[in-house]
N, C-alpha and C. Protein backbone atom coordinates (compact mmCIF):
# COMPACT_ATOMS: atom_id res chain seq x y z
N UNK A 1 168.57 203.94 40.29
CA UNK A 1 168.55 202.61 39.72
C UNK A 1 168.36 202.53 38.08
N UNK A 2 169.09 201.92 37.28
CA UNK A 2 169.00 201.84 35.83
C UNK A 2 167.88 200.79 35.37
N UNK A 3 167.06 201.13 34.54
CA UNK A 3 166.36 200.12 34.09
C UNK A 3 166.63 199.67 32.78
N UNK A 4 166.59 198.14 32.50
CA UNK A 4 167.13 197.74 31.37
C UNK A 4 165.96 196.58 31.22
N UNK A 5 165.57 196.51 29.83
CA UNK A 5 164.72 195.41 29.36
C UNK A 5 165.29 194.66 28.34
N UNK A 6 165.30 193.28 28.55
CA UNK A 6 165.87 192.49 27.55
C UNK A 6 165.03 191.50 27.58
N UNK A 7 164.57 190.85 26.21
CA UNK A 7 163.33 189.65 25.78
C UNK A 7 164.30 188.65 24.94
N UNK A 8 164.61 187.47 25.29
CA UNK A 8 164.51 187.05 26.70
C UNK A 8 165.77 187.43 27.39
N UNK A 9 165.72 187.52 29.08
CA UNK A 9 166.90 187.90 29.80
C UNK A 9 167.80 186.77 29.64
N UNK A 10 168.87 187.09 29.43
CA UNK A 10 170.01 185.99 29.60
C UNK A 10 171.15 186.51 30.26
N UNK A 11 171.36 186.34 31.25
CA UNK A 11 172.80 186.76 32.02
C UNK A 11 173.81 185.55 32.21
N UNK A 12 174.95 185.68 31.67
CA UNK A 12 175.93 184.77 31.52
C UNK A 12 176.98 185.00 32.44
N UNK A 13 177.49 184.11 33.31
CA UNK A 13 178.74 184.11 34.23
C UNK A 13 179.42 182.77 34.21
N UNK A 14 180.77 182.74 33.94
CA UNK A 14 181.47 181.14 33.98
C UNK A 14 181.65 181.02 35.32
N UNK A 15 181.08 179.95 35.92
CA UNK A 15 181.23 179.36 37.34
C UNK A 15 181.47 177.86 37.38
N UNK A 16 182.77 177.83 37.81
CA UNK A 16 183.20 176.64 38.02
C UNK A 16 183.27 175.69 36.54
N UNK A 17 183.69 176.51 35.41
CA UNK A 17 183.80 175.84 34.34
C UNK A 17 182.14 175.26 33.56
N UNK A 18 181.32 176.02 34.02
CA UNK A 18 180.36 175.90 33.52
C UNK A 18 179.44 177.41 33.22
N UNK A 19 178.55 177.39 32.39
CA UNK A 19 177.78 178.81 32.12
C UNK A 19 176.30 178.61 32.82
N UNK A 20 175.94 179.74 33.81
CA UNK A 20 174.90 179.91 34.28
C UNK A 20 174.01 180.95 33.65
N UNK A 21 172.93 180.38 33.33
CA UNK A 21 171.80 181.36 32.60
C UNK A 21 170.48 181.70 33.56
N UNK A 22 170.14 182.87 33.70
CA UNK A 22 168.96 183.06 34.27
C UNK A 22 167.99 183.49 33.38
N UNK A 23 166.89 182.91 32.90
CA UNK A 23 165.88 183.26 31.69
C UNK A 23 164.64 184.04 32.38
N UNK A 24 163.97 184.66 31.31
CA UNK A 24 162.53 184.91 31.41
C UNK A 24 162.11 183.88 30.33
N UNK A 25 161.05 183.03 30.51
CA UNK A 25 160.73 182.06 29.51
C UNK A 25 159.81 183.04 28.30
N UNK A 26 160.36 182.62 26.98
CA UNK A 26 159.66 182.95 25.83
C UNK A 26 159.17 181.82 25.06
N UNK A 27 160.34 181.23 24.53
CA UNK A 27 159.93 179.98 24.17
C UNK A 27 160.77 178.69 24.99
N UNK A 28 160.04 177.94 25.43
CA UNK A 28 160.75 177.10 26.56
C UNK A 28 161.63 176.11 25.58
N UNK A 29 161.24 175.64 24.20
CA UNK A 29 162.24 174.87 23.29
C UNK A 29 163.63 175.74 23.28
N UNK A 30 163.82 176.73 23.14
CA UNK A 30 165.07 177.62 23.04
C UNK A 30 165.58 177.63 24.21
N UNK A 31 165.00 177.63 25.38
CA UNK A 31 165.51 177.55 26.70
C UNK A 31 166.70 176.32 26.85
N UNK A 32 165.83 175.23 26.35
CA UNK A 32 166.38 173.96 26.48
C UNK A 32 167.46 174.09 25.53
N UNK A 33 167.49 174.38 24.19
CA UNK A 33 168.35 174.13 23.62
C UNK A 33 169.58 174.86 23.74
N UNK A 34 169.62 176.35 24.08
CA UNK A 34 170.84 176.76 24.92
C UNK A 34 171.50 176.22 25.90
N UNK A 35 170.71 175.75 26.93
CA UNK A 35 171.03 174.72 28.02
C UNK A 35 171.68 173.70 27.38
N UNK A 36 171.45 173.14 26.74
CA UNK A 36 171.94 171.86 25.93
C UNK A 36 173.23 172.16 25.42
N UNK A 37 173.23 173.21 24.59
CA UNK A 37 174.38 173.71 23.69
C UNK A 37 175.54 174.20 24.78
N UNK A 38 175.25 174.88 25.89
CA UNK A 38 176.29 175.65 26.81
C UNK A 38 176.62 174.51 28.26
N UNK A 39 175.89 173.51 28.42
CA UNK A 39 175.96 173.05 29.71
C UNK A 39 175.16 173.90 30.88
N UNK A 40 174.22 174.84 30.48
CA UNK A 40 174.15 175.88 31.47
C UNK A 40 172.92 175.03 32.38
N UNK A 41 172.90 175.83 33.75
CA UNK A 41 171.91 175.55 34.59
C UNK A 41 170.63 176.56 34.16
N UNK A 42 169.57 175.97 34.08
CA UNK A 42 168.34 176.70 34.08
C UNK A 42 167.53 177.34 35.24
N UNK A 43 167.57 178.50 35.24
CA UNK A 43 166.77 178.92 36.60
C UNK A 43 165.49 179.93 36.06
N UNK A 44 164.44 179.52 36.71
CA UNK A 44 163.19 180.46 36.45
C UNK A 44 162.01 180.28 37.41
N UNK A 45 161.24 180.98 37.18
CA UNK A 45 159.96 181.04 38.14
C UNK A 45 159.17 179.58 37.68
N UNK A 46 158.42 179.15 38.84
CA UNK A 46 157.49 177.81 38.47
C UNK A 46 156.30 178.34 37.97
N UNK A 47 156.09 179.81 38.11
CA UNK A 47 154.83 180.20 37.19
C UNK A 47 154.49 180.24 35.92
N UNK A 48 155.83 179.98 35.10
CA UNK A 48 156.03 179.75 33.80
C UNK A 48 156.58 178.67 33.24
N UNK A 49 157.16 177.96 34.22
CA UNK A 49 157.75 176.75 33.76
C UNK A 49 157.22 175.29 34.75
N UNK A 50 156.02 175.48 35.30
CA UNK A 50 155.37 174.31 35.68
C UNK A 50 155.40 173.23 34.69
N UNK A 51 155.17 173.56 33.45
CA UNK A 51 154.56 172.56 32.59
C UNK A 51 156.02 172.13 31.47
N UNK A 52 157.13 172.39 31.98
CA UNK A 52 158.52 172.08 31.52
C UNK A 52 158.80 170.76 31.37
N UNK A 53 159.18 170.07 30.33
CA UNK A 53 159.58 168.64 30.29
C UNK A 53 160.92 168.43 30.58
N UNK A 54 161.69 169.55 31.16
CA UNK A 54 163.24 169.37 31.51
C UNK A 54 163.35 169.92 33.02
N UNK A 55 164.58 169.71 33.29
CA UNK A 55 165.05 169.93 34.68
C UNK A 55 165.53 171.60 34.60
N UNK A 56 164.85 172.21 35.85
CA UNK A 56 165.19 173.29 36.01
C UNK A 56 165.47 173.90 37.57
N UNK A 57 165.98 175.03 37.99
CA UNK A 57 166.09 175.34 39.20
C UNK A 57 164.98 176.46 39.41
N UNK A 58 164.41 176.51 40.54
CA UNK A 58 163.22 177.60 41.03
C UNK A 58 164.05 178.61 41.35
N UNK A 59 163.37 179.92 40.90
CA UNK A 59 163.91 181.28 41.42
C UNK A 59 162.69 181.65 42.60
N UNK A 60 163.21 182.35 43.58
CA UNK A 60 161.81 182.46 44.71
C UNK A 60 162.14 183.97 44.93
N UNK A 61 161.10 184.80 45.28
CA UNK A 61 160.95 186.38 45.65
C UNK A 61 161.68 186.39 46.72
N UNK A 62 162.80 187.41 46.41
CA UNK A 62 163.67 188.03 47.57
C UNK A 62 164.76 187.18 47.60
N UNK A 63 165.03 185.97 46.96
CA UNK A 63 166.14 185.22 47.23
C UNK A 63 167.34 186.08 46.29
N UNK A 64 168.54 185.96 46.68
CA UNK A 64 169.84 186.67 46.31
C UNK A 64 170.88 185.47 46.05
N UNK A 65 171.66 185.64 44.95
CA UNK A 65 172.59 184.79 44.82
C UNK A 65 174.02 185.58 44.15
N UNK A 66 175.06 185.22 44.42
CA UNK A 66 175.95 185.69 43.76
C UNK A 66 176.68 185.04 42.55
N UNK A 67 177.05 185.72 41.35
CA UNK A 67 177.49 185.20 40.28
C UNK A 67 179.03 185.36 40.35
N UNK A 68 179.44 184.05 40.79
CA UNK A 68 180.93 184.11 40.88
C UNK A 68 181.75 184.34 42.24
N UNK A 69 182.85 184.19 42.11
CA UNK A 69 183.43 184.93 43.39
C UNK A 69 183.31 186.53 43.69
N UNK A 70 183.67 187.12 42.58
CA UNK A 70 183.72 188.73 42.93
C UNK A 70 182.61 189.22 41.79
N UNK A 71 181.66 188.48 41.30
CA UNK A 71 181.01 188.73 40.60
C UNK A 71 179.57 189.48 41.15
N UNK A 72 178.40 190.22 40.24
CA UNK A 72 177.68 190.91 40.71
C UNK A 72 176.56 189.91 41.62
N UNK A 73 175.92 190.73 42.69
CA UNK A 73 174.72 189.91 43.52
C UNK A 73 173.42 190.07 42.63
N UNK A 74 172.91 189.02 42.51
CA UNK A 74 171.19 189.13 41.63
C UNK A 74 170.25 188.80 42.67
N UNK A 75 169.33 189.74 42.97
CA UNK A 75 168.25 189.66 43.76
C UNK A 75 166.95 189.20 43.10
N UNK A 76 166.21 188.47 42.99
CA UNK A 76 165.10 187.89 42.62
C UNK A 76 163.76 188.63 42.74
N UNK A 77 162.93 189.35 41.92
CA UNK A 77 161.80 189.86 42.20
C UNK A 77 160.51 189.25 41.37
N UNK A 78 159.66 188.68 42.06
CA UNK A 78 158.82 187.76 41.20
C UNK A 78 157.68 189.16 40.87
N UNK A 79 157.51 189.26 39.58
CA UNK A 79 156.78 190.51 39.05
C UNK A 79 155.65 190.07 38.10
N UNK A 80 154.76 189.24 38.86
CA UNK A 80 153.81 188.84 38.08
C UNK A 80 153.00 190.00 37.23
N UNK A 81 152.45 189.55 36.08
CA UNK A 81 151.32 190.35 35.29
C UNK A 81 151.41 190.02 33.65
N UNK A 82 152.74 190.47 33.49
CA UNK A 82 152.76 189.78 31.82
C UNK A 82 152.49 188.52 31.51
N UNK A 83 153.03 187.81 32.46
CA UNK A 83 152.73 186.04 32.78
C UNK A 83 152.70 185.96 34.03
N UNK A 84 152.14 184.70 34.52
CA UNK A 84 152.20 184.51 36.02
C UNK A 84 153.55 184.50 36.95
N UNK A 85 154.56 184.01 35.95
CA UNK A 85 156.03 183.80 36.24
C UNK A 85 156.81 184.75 36.09
N UNK A 86 156.32 186.11 35.52
CA UNK A 86 157.06 187.22 35.27
C UNK A 86 158.30 187.16 36.43
N UNK A 87 159.69 187.43 36.13
CA UNK A 87 160.74 187.65 37.27
C UNK A 87 161.10 188.76 36.89
N UNK A 88 161.68 189.56 37.64
CA UNK A 88 162.68 190.79 37.48
C UNK A 88 163.86 190.58 38.08
N UNK A 89 165.16 191.10 38.10
CA UNK A 89 166.18 190.83 38.89
C UNK A 89 166.95 192.22 38.93
N UNK A 90 167.43 192.19 40.07
CA UNK A 90 168.42 193.75 40.68
C UNK A 90 169.81 193.12 41.02
N UNK A 91 170.61 193.61 40.13
CA UNK A 91 171.82 193.54 40.05
C UNK A 91 172.54 194.38 40.92
N UNK A 92 173.19 194.01 41.85
CA UNK A 92 174.18 194.52 42.62
C UNK A 92 173.21 196.12 43.35
N UNK A 93 172.15 195.94 43.59
CA UNK A 93 171.51 196.96 43.89
C UNK A 93 171.37 198.38 43.12
N UNK A 94 172.06 198.23 41.74
CA UNK A 94 172.16 199.33 40.80
C UNK A 94 171.23 199.12 39.63
N UNK A 95 171.06 197.91 39.07
CA UNK A 95 170.40 197.79 38.04
C UNK A 95 169.01 196.83 37.98
N UNK A 96 168.09 197.21 37.24
CA UNK A 96 166.94 196.68 37.40
C UNK A 96 166.32 195.94 35.92
N UNK A 97 166.54 194.87 35.90
CA UNK A 97 166.12 194.07 34.46
C UNK A 97 164.87 193.51 34.68
N UNK A 98 163.79 194.10 33.77
CA UNK A 98 162.40 193.77 34.01
C UNK A 98 161.83 192.89 33.17
N UNK A 99 162.52 192.38 31.98
CA UNK A 99 161.94 191.57 31.08
C UNK A 99 160.75 192.34 30.14
N UNK A 100 159.74 191.53 30.12
CA UNK A 100 158.62 192.07 29.64
C UNK A 100 157.58 192.73 30.59
N UNK A 101 158.01 192.72 31.91
CA UNK A 101 157.06 193.61 33.01
C UNK A 101 157.01 194.87 32.96
N UNK A 102 157.86 195.46 32.98
CA UNK A 102 157.73 197.31 32.86
C UNK A 102 158.75 197.69 31.81
N UNK A 103 158.38 198.81 30.89
CA UNK A 103 158.91 199.27 30.08
C UNK A 103 159.12 200.81 30.28
N UNK A 104 160.13 201.72 29.69
CA UNK A 104 160.22 203.01 29.81
C UNK A 104 158.86 203.78 29.86
N UNK A 105 158.07 203.57 28.83
CA UNK A 105 156.67 204.26 28.82
C UNK A 105 155.46 203.51 28.74
N UNK A 106 155.62 202.37 29.22
CA UNK A 106 154.45 201.40 29.42
C UNK A 106 154.89 200.16 30.10
N UNK A 107 153.91 199.26 30.12
CA UNK A 107 154.00 197.94 31.00
C UNK A 107 153.85 196.63 30.02
N UNK A 108 154.09 195.71 30.58
CA UNK A 108 153.79 194.15 29.39
C UNK A 108 152.57 194.12 29.66
N UNK A 109 151.93 193.48 28.38
CA UNK A 109 150.76 193.08 28.14
C UNK A 109 150.27 191.85 28.95
N UNK A 110 149.10 191.88 29.57
CA UNK A 110 148.85 190.81 30.36
C UNK A 110 147.84 189.99 29.49
N UNK A 111 147.36 190.34 28.28
CA UNK A 111 146.25 189.80 27.46
C UNK A 111 146.71 188.82 26.42
N UNK A 112 148.03 188.70 26.27
CA UNK A 112 148.84 187.64 25.49
C UNK A 112 148.24 186.38 25.58
N UNK A 113 148.44 186.10 26.94
CA UNK A 113 148.12 184.56 27.32
C UNK A 113 146.79 184.17 27.45
N UNK A 114 145.85 185.28 27.05
CA UNK A 114 144.13 184.93 26.98
C UNK A 114 143.80 184.97 28.37
N UNK A 115 144.36 185.60 29.35
CA UNK A 115 144.22 185.54 30.53
C UNK A 115 143.85 187.02 31.30
N UNK A 116 143.45 187.94 30.29
CA UNK A 116 143.55 189.42 30.56
C UNK A 116 143.06 190.12 31.97
N UNK A 117 141.73 189.57 32.40
CA UNK A 117 141.44 189.81 33.58
C UNK A 117 142.32 189.63 34.59
N UNK A 118 142.40 188.08 34.89
CA UNK A 118 143.44 187.46 35.98
C UNK A 118 144.89 188.33 35.96
N UNK A 119 145.35 188.35 34.78
CA UNK A 119 146.90 188.85 34.63
C UNK A 119 146.76 190.14 34.84
N UNK A 120 145.95 191.05 34.61
CA UNK A 120 145.75 192.34 34.76
C UNK A 120 145.89 192.68 36.57
N UNK A 121 145.14 192.08 37.18
CA UNK A 121 145.19 192.12 38.26
C UNK A 121 146.23 191.62 39.14
N UNK A 122 147.00 190.74 38.53
CA UNK A 122 148.60 190.53 39.26
C UNK A 122 149.49 191.68 38.56
N UNK A 123 149.49 192.34 37.53
CA UNK A 123 150.10 193.28 36.88
C UNK A 123 150.00 194.58 37.84
N UNK A 124 148.66 194.83 38.06
CA UNK A 124 148.55 195.84 38.97
C UNK A 124 148.90 195.71 40.33
N UNK A 125 148.72 194.75 40.93
CA UNK A 125 149.46 194.47 42.60
C UNK A 125 151.01 194.41 42.12
N UNK A 126 151.71 193.91 41.19
CA UNK A 126 153.28 194.27 40.68
C UNK A 126 153.46 195.82 40.85
N UNK A 127 152.80 196.27 40.32
CA UNK A 127 153.20 197.67 40.04
C UNK A 127 152.97 198.79 41.13
N UNK A 128 152.13 198.21 41.71
CA UNK A 128 151.37 199.40 43.07
C UNK A 128 152.13 198.62 44.24
N UNK A 129 152.17 197.33 44.48
CA UNK A 129 152.58 197.02 45.84
C UNK A 129 154.24 196.77 45.72
N UNK A 130 154.87 196.26 44.67
CA UNK A 130 156.25 195.85 44.63
C UNK A 130 156.82 197.12 44.05
N UNK A 131 156.55 198.25 43.82
CA UNK A 131 157.25 199.49 43.49
C UNK A 131 157.88 200.37 44.33
């Protein structure tokens, strides 16, 4: 498996004349602006988007979907810790897109949201149970 980190994660694929985007939330306003400009569907985990003031499609741990007819298969892996809704994606069982959960030599900081104790426990579970 190849590890890739992108912040924010944006995967694009032309589907039926529209652009489909999969996000890790960094700035909700930016996500909405990109969606408005492209006509994209926003897909995100409720753990980070519960207060969003716009429509989005929830992604769920373990679900998979194909990007277009012959496009890659994307599997969702809820990987909380950096934020409660941190989500990673496994592309065609080859590529692991971790967002800010896992880096080459470290992990995402759980303290940035002001809930270091709670989010550290989630990150520990992600790293020890999901790996």
